[in-house]
Amino acid sequence: MTKFKNTQKFTKTNIKKISENKAIVYKIKNFQGDNLYTGIAGRNRGQDRLNEHKDISKDKIPGGTKFQYAQVKNKNIAEKIEKQIIKKEQPKFNIKDK
């Protein structure tokens, strides 16, 4: 099973702390800790992708106040894990793979 980092506030400061050397799987959560969205980002793209969910209106996740992430070996592995999480947790803002 993939080990996710501790839940942290969904802030630009915390997003900047993410290491960019591997692909990531991430969860954006609400104040209560419910998973609103699960996504992936390839190597060197994690910070940008999370910032898009924070700032860009078409990708913004309403109610997202926290996030978790796990680094994985590559994007293919990230995609498999993402599908498993979406199937199991049914995040509100994921449409694909439900």
N, C-alpha and C. Protein backbone atom coordinates (compact mmCIF):
# COMPACT_ATOMS: atom_id res chain seq x y z
N MET A 1 0.84 -1.19 0.00
CA MET A 1 0.00 0.00 0.00
C MET A 1 0.88 1.25 0.00
N THR A 2 0.43 2.26 -0.68
CA THR A 2 1.18 3.50 -0.80
C THR A 2 1.10 4.30 0.50
N LYS A 3 2.22 4.84 0.92
CA LYS A 3 2.27 5.62 2.15
C LYS A 3 2.15 7.10 1.83
N PHE A 4 1.06 7.71 2.28
CA PHE A 4 0.85 9.13 2.08
C PHE A 4 1.47 9.93 3.22
N LYS A 5 1.97 11.11 2.90
CA LYS A 5 2.52 12.01 3.91
C LYS A 5 1.38 12.48 4.80
N ASN A 6 1.72 13.00 5.96
CA ASN A 6 0.71 13.54 6.86
C ASN A 6 -0.12 14.62 6.16
N THR A 7 -1.37 14.71 6.54
CA THR A 7 -2.25 15.73 5.99
C THR A 7 -1.72 17.10 6.41
N GLN A 8 -1.71 18.03 5.46
CA GLN A 8 -1.27 19.39 5.76
C GLN A 8 -2.18 20.42 5.13
N LYS A 9 -2.09 21.65 5.60
CA LYS A 9 -2.93 22.71 5.05
C LYS A 9 -2.58 22.91 3.58
N PHE A 10 -3.62 23.21 2.81
CA PHE A 10 -3.48 23.39 1.36
C PHE A 10 -3.06 24.83 1.09
N THR A 11 -1.78 25.11 1.36
CA THR A 11 -1.23 26.46 1.18
C THR A 11 -0.07 26.42 0.19
N LYS A 12 0.22 27.56 -0.40
CA LYS A 12 1.33 27.63 -1.34
C LYS A 12 2.66 27.30 -0.66
N THR A 13 2.80 27.69 0.60
CA THR A 13 4.02 27.40 1.36
C THR A 13 4.22 25.90 1.50
N ASN A 14 3.16 25.17 1.85
CA ASN A 14 3.27 23.71 2.00
C ASN A 14 3.45 23.03 0.64
N ILE A 15 2.82 23.55 -0.39
CA ILE A 15 2.99 22.98 -1.72
C ILE A 15 4.44 23.09 -2.18
N LYS A 16 5.10 24.21 -1.85
CA LYS A 16 6.50 24.42 -2.24
C LYS A 16 7.45 23.41 -1.60
N LYS A 17 7.02 22.77 -0.52
CA LYS A 17 7.88 21.81 0.19
C LYS A 17 7.91 20.43 -0.48
N ILE A 18 7.05 20.21 -1.47
CA ILE A 18 6.98 18.91 -2.13
C ILE A 18 8.22 18.71 -3.00
N SER A 19 8.88 17.59 -2.81
CA SER A 19 10.03 17.25 -3.63
C SER A 19 9.54 16.94 -5.05
N GLU A 20 10.27 17.39 -6.02
CA GLU A 20 9.87 17.25 -7.42
C GLU A 20 10.60 16.12 -8.14
N ASN A 21 11.36 15.30 -7.41
CA ASN A 21 12.21 14.31 -8.07
C ASN A 21 11.48 13.03 -8.47
N LYS A 22 10.20 12.87 -8.09
CA LYS A 22 9.43 11.69 -8.46
C LYS A 22 7.99 12.09 -8.79
N ALA A 23 7.29 11.18 -9.42
CA ALA A 23 5.85 11.38 -9.65
C ALA A 23 5.13 11.32 -8.31
N ILE A 24 3.95 11.94 -8.24
CA ILE A 24 3.17 11.88 -7.00
C ILE A 24 1.71 11.51 -7.28
N VAL A 25 1.08 10.97 -6.25
CA VAL A 25 -0.36 10.78 -6.19
C VAL A 25 -0.79 11.70 -5.05
N TYR A 26 -1.84 12.47 -5.24
CA TYR A 26 -2.26 13.39 -4.18
C TYR A 26 -3.76 13.34 -3.95
N LYS A 27 -4.14 13.74 -2.75
CA LYS A 27 -5.54 13.85 -2.36
C LYS A 27 -5.77 15.26 -1.85
N ILE A 28 -6.83 15.89 -2.32
CA ILE A 28 -7.24 17.19 -1.78
C ILE A 28 -8.47 16.93 -0.92
N LYS A 29 -8.41 17.41 0.31
CA LYS A 29 -9.45 17.11 1.28
C LYS A 29 -10.12 18.37 1.80
N ASN A 30 -11.33 18.19 2.35
CA ASN A 30 -12.01 19.31 2.97
C ASN A 30 -11.63 19.40 4.44
N PHE A 31 -12.23 20.36 5.14
CA PHE A 31 -11.92 20.62 6.55
C PHE A 31 -12.15 19.38 7.41
N GLN A 32 -13.17 18.59 7.06
CA GLN A 32 -13.49 17.38 7.83
C GLN A 32 -12.58 16.20 7.49
N GLY A 33 -11.77 16.33 6.46
CA GLY A 33 -10.86 15.26 6.07
C GLY A 33 -11.38 14.34 4.98
N ASP A 34 -12.55 14.69 4.39
CA ASP A 34 -13.09 13.89 3.29
C ASP A 34 -12.28 14.13 2.03
N ASN A 35 -12.00 13.08 1.29
CA ASN A 35 -11.27 13.19 0.03
C ASN A 35 -12.20 13.78 -1.03
N LEU A 36 -11.86 14.98 -1.51
CA LEU A 36 -12.64 15.64 -2.56
C LEU A 36 -12.13 15.31 -3.95
N TYR A 37 -10.83 15.10 -4.07
CA TYR A 37 -10.22 14.87 -5.39
C TYR A 37 -8.91 14.12 -5.22
N THR A 38 -8.69 13.16 -6.07
CA THR A 38 -7.42 12.44 -6.13
C THR A 38 -6.83 12.64 -7.52
N GLY A 39 -5.55 12.97 -7.57
CA GLY A 39 -4.91 13.20 -8.85
C GLY A 39 -3.46 12.73 -8.83
N ILE A 40 -2.82 12.89 -9.97
CA ILE A 40 -1.42 12.52 -10.12
C ILE A 40 -0.67 13.65 -10.81
N ALA A 41 0.63 13.62 -10.65
CA ALA A 41 1.49 14.55 -11.37
C ALA A 41 2.81 13.85 -11.64
N GLY A 42 3.32 14.06 -12.82
CA GLY A 42 4.61 13.47 -13.18
C GLY A 42 5.75 14.18 -12.49
N ARG A 43 6.93 13.61 -12.63
CA ARG A 43 8.12 14.20 -12.05
C ARG A 43 8.26 15.66 -12.49
N ASN A 44 8.68 16.52 -11.58
CA ASN A 44 8.86 17.96 -11.81
C ASN A 44 7.56 18.70 -12.09
N ARG A 45 6.42 18.11 -11.73
CA ARG A 45 5.13 18.74 -12.03
C ARG A 45 4.19 18.82 -10.82
N GLY A 46 4.55 18.19 -9.70
CA GLY A 46 3.68 18.12 -8.53
C GLY A 46 3.27 19.47 -7.97
N GLN A 47 4.22 20.34 -7.77
CA GLN A 47 3.91 21.67 -7.22
C GLN A 47 3.00 22.45 -8.16
N ASP A 48 3.32 22.43 -9.44
CA ASP A 48 2.49 23.15 -10.41
C ASP A 48 1.06 22.63 -10.42
N ARG A 49 0.92 21.31 -10.41
CA ARG A 49 -0.42 20.72 -10.49
C ARG A 49 -1.26 21.06 -9.27
N LEU A 50 -0.68 20.99 -8.08
CA LEU A 50 -1.43 21.36 -6.88
C LEU A 50 -1.78 22.84 -6.87
N ASN A 51 -0.87 23.68 -7.34
CA ASN A 51 -1.17 25.11 -7.43
C ASN A 51 -2.31 25.38 -8.41
N GLU A 52 -2.41 24.60 -9.47
CA GLU A 52 -3.52 24.75 -10.41
C GLU A 52 -4.86 24.48 -9.71
N HIS A 53 -4.88 23.50 -8.83
CA HIS A 53 -6.11 23.20 -8.09
C HIS A 53 -6.43 24.29 -7.08
N LYS A 54 -5.44 25.04 -6.70
CA LYS A 54 -5.64 26.12 -5.73
C LYS A 54 -6.03 27.43 -6.41
N ASP A 55 -5.47 27.70 -7.58
CA ASP A 55 -5.60 29.02 -8.20
C ASP A 55 -6.41 29.11 -9.49
N ILE A 56 -6.35 28.12 -10.32
CA ILE A 56 -6.97 28.24 -11.65
C ILE A 56 -8.41 27.78 -11.57
N SER A 57 -9.33 28.67 -11.93
CA SER A 57 -10.76 28.42 -11.70
C SER A 57 -11.27 27.13 -12.33
N LYS A 58 -10.80 26.76 -13.51
CA LYS A 58 -11.31 25.54 -14.15
C LYS A 58 -10.84 24.28 -13.43
N ASP A 59 -9.73 24.33 -12.71
CA ASP A 59 -9.20 23.17 -11.99
C ASP A 59 -9.34 23.29 -10.47
N LYS A 60 -9.87 24.40 -10.01
CA LYS A 60 -9.96 24.64 -8.56
C LYS A 60 -10.91 23.63 -7.91
N ILE A 61 -10.54 23.15 -6.75
CA ILE A 61 -11.36 22.20 -6.00
C ILE A 61 -12.02 22.97 -4.85
N PRO A 62 -13.33 23.26 -4.99
CA PRO A 62 -14.03 24.01 -3.94
C PRO A 62 -14.02 23.26 -2.61
N GLY A 63 -13.72 23.97 -1.55
CA GLY A 63 -13.71 23.38 -0.22
C GLY A 63 -12.42 22.68 0.13
N GLY A 64 -11.45 22.66 -0.78
CA GLY A 64 -10.17 22.00 -0.51
C GLY A 64 -9.34 22.83 0.46
N THR A 65 -9.13 22.31 1.66
CA THR A 65 -8.36 23.03 2.68
C THR A 65 -7.12 22.26 3.12
N LYS A 66 -7.03 20.97 2.75
CA LYS A 66 -5.90 20.12 3.16
C LYS A 66 -5.47 19.26 1.98
N PHE A 67 -4.27 18.73 2.07
CA PHE A 67 -3.83 17.77 1.05
C PHE A 67 -2.86 16.77 1.64
N GLN A 68 -2.75 15.64 0.94
CA GLN A 68 -1.78 14.59 1.23
C GLN A 68 -1.16 14.19 -0.10
N TYR A 69 0.05 13.67 -0.04
CA TYR A 69 0.64 13.14 -1.27
C TYR A 69 1.58 11.99 -0.94
N ALA A 70 1.82 11.20 -1.96
CA ALA A 70 2.77 10.10 -1.85
C ALA A 70 3.64 10.12 -3.10
N GLN A 71 4.93 9.99 -2.91
CA GLN A 71 5.84 9.89 -4.04
C GLN A 71 5.89 8.45 -4.50
N VAL A 72 5.91 8.27 -5.82
CA VAL A 72 5.99 6.94 -6.40
C VAL A 72 7.07 6.93 -7.48
N LYS A 73 7.43 5.75 -7.91
CA LYS A 73 8.55 5.59 -8.84
C LYS A 73 8.35 6.30 -10.18
N ASN A 74 7.13 6.17 -10.74
CA ASN A 74 6.88 6.79 -12.05
C ASN A 74 5.39 7.07 -12.24
N LYS A 75 5.06 7.72 -13.33
CA LYS A 75 3.68 8.13 -13.59
C LYS A 75 2.75 6.94 -13.83
N ASN A 76 3.25 5.87 -14.43
CA ASN A 76 2.41 4.68 -14.65
C ASN A 76 1.93 4.09 -13.33
N ILE A 77 2.82 4.01 -12.36
CA ILE A 77 2.44 3.51 -11.04
C ILE A 77 1.44 4.48 -10.40
N ALA A 78 1.70 5.77 -10.55
CA ALA A 78 0.79 6.78 -9.99
C ALA A 78 -0.63 6.62 -10.56
N GLU A 79 -0.72 6.35 -11.85
CA GLU A 79 -2.04 6.18 -12.48
C GLU A 79 -2.79 4.98 -11.91
N LYS A 80 -2.09 3.89 -11.66
CA LYS A 80 -2.72 2.70 -11.09
C LYS A 80 -3.24 2.98 -9.68
N ILE A 81 -2.43 3.64 -8.89
CA ILE A 81 -2.82 3.96 -7.51
C ILE A 81 -4.00 4.93 -7.51
N GLU A 82 -3.94 5.93 -8.39
CA GLU A 82 -5.03 6.90 -8.50
C GLU A 82 -6.36 6.19 -8.79
N LYS A 83 -6.36 5.27 -9.75
CA LYS A 83 -7.58 4.53 -10.09
C LYS A 83 -8.12 3.75 -8.90
N GLN A 84 -7.24 3.11 -8.16
CA GLN A 84 -7.65 2.34 -6.99
C GLN A 84 -8.30 3.24 -5.94
N ILE A 85 -7.69 4.38 -5.68
CA ILE A 85 -8.22 5.31 -4.67
C ILE A 85 -9.57 5.86 -5.10
N ILE A 86 -9.69 6.24 -6.36
CA ILE A 86 -10.95 6.80 -6.86
C ILE A 86 -12.06 5.76 -6.74
N LYS A 87 -11.76 4.54 -7.12
CA LYS A 87 -12.75 3.47 -7.04
C LYS A 87 -13.20 3.23 -5.59
N LYS A 88 -12.24 3.24 -4.69
CA LYS A 88 -12.53 2.95 -3.28
C LYS A 88 -13.19 4.13 -2.55
N GLU A 89 -12.67 5.35 -2.74
CA GLU A 89 -13.12 6.49 -1.94
C GLU A 89 -14.17 7.37 -2.63
N GLN A 90 -14.34 7.22 -3.94
CA GLN A 90 -15.34 7.98 -4.69
C GLN A 90 -15.29 9.50 -4.42
N PRO A 91 -14.14 10.15 -4.63
CA PRO A 91 -14.04 11.59 -4.36
C PRO A 91 -15.05 12.38 -5.20
N LYS A 92 -15.63 13.37 -4.59
CA LYS A 92 -16.71 14.17 -5.18
C LYS A 92 -16.35 14.77 -6.55
N PHE A 93 -15.14 15.25 -6.70
CA PHE A 93 -14.77 15.97 -7.93
C PHE A 93 -14.02 15.12 -8.96
N ASN A 94 -13.86 13.83 -8.71
CA ASN A 94 -13.33 12.92 -9.72
C ASN A 94 -14.49 12.33 -10.49
N ILE A 95 -14.42 12.39 -11.79
CA ILE A 95 -15.46 11.83 -12.64
C ILE A 95 -14.97 10.52 -13.25
N LYS A 96 -13.75 10.55 -13.75
CA LYS A 96 -13.12 9.40 -14.38
C LYS A 96 -12.85 8.30 -13.36
N ASP A 97 -13.01 7.07 -13.74
CA ASP A 97 -12.67 5.88 -12.96
C ASP A 97 -13.58 5.61 -11.75
N LYS A 98 -14.73 6.25 -11.68
CA LYS A 98 -15.67 5.96 -10.58
C LYS A 98 -16.46 4.72 -10.87
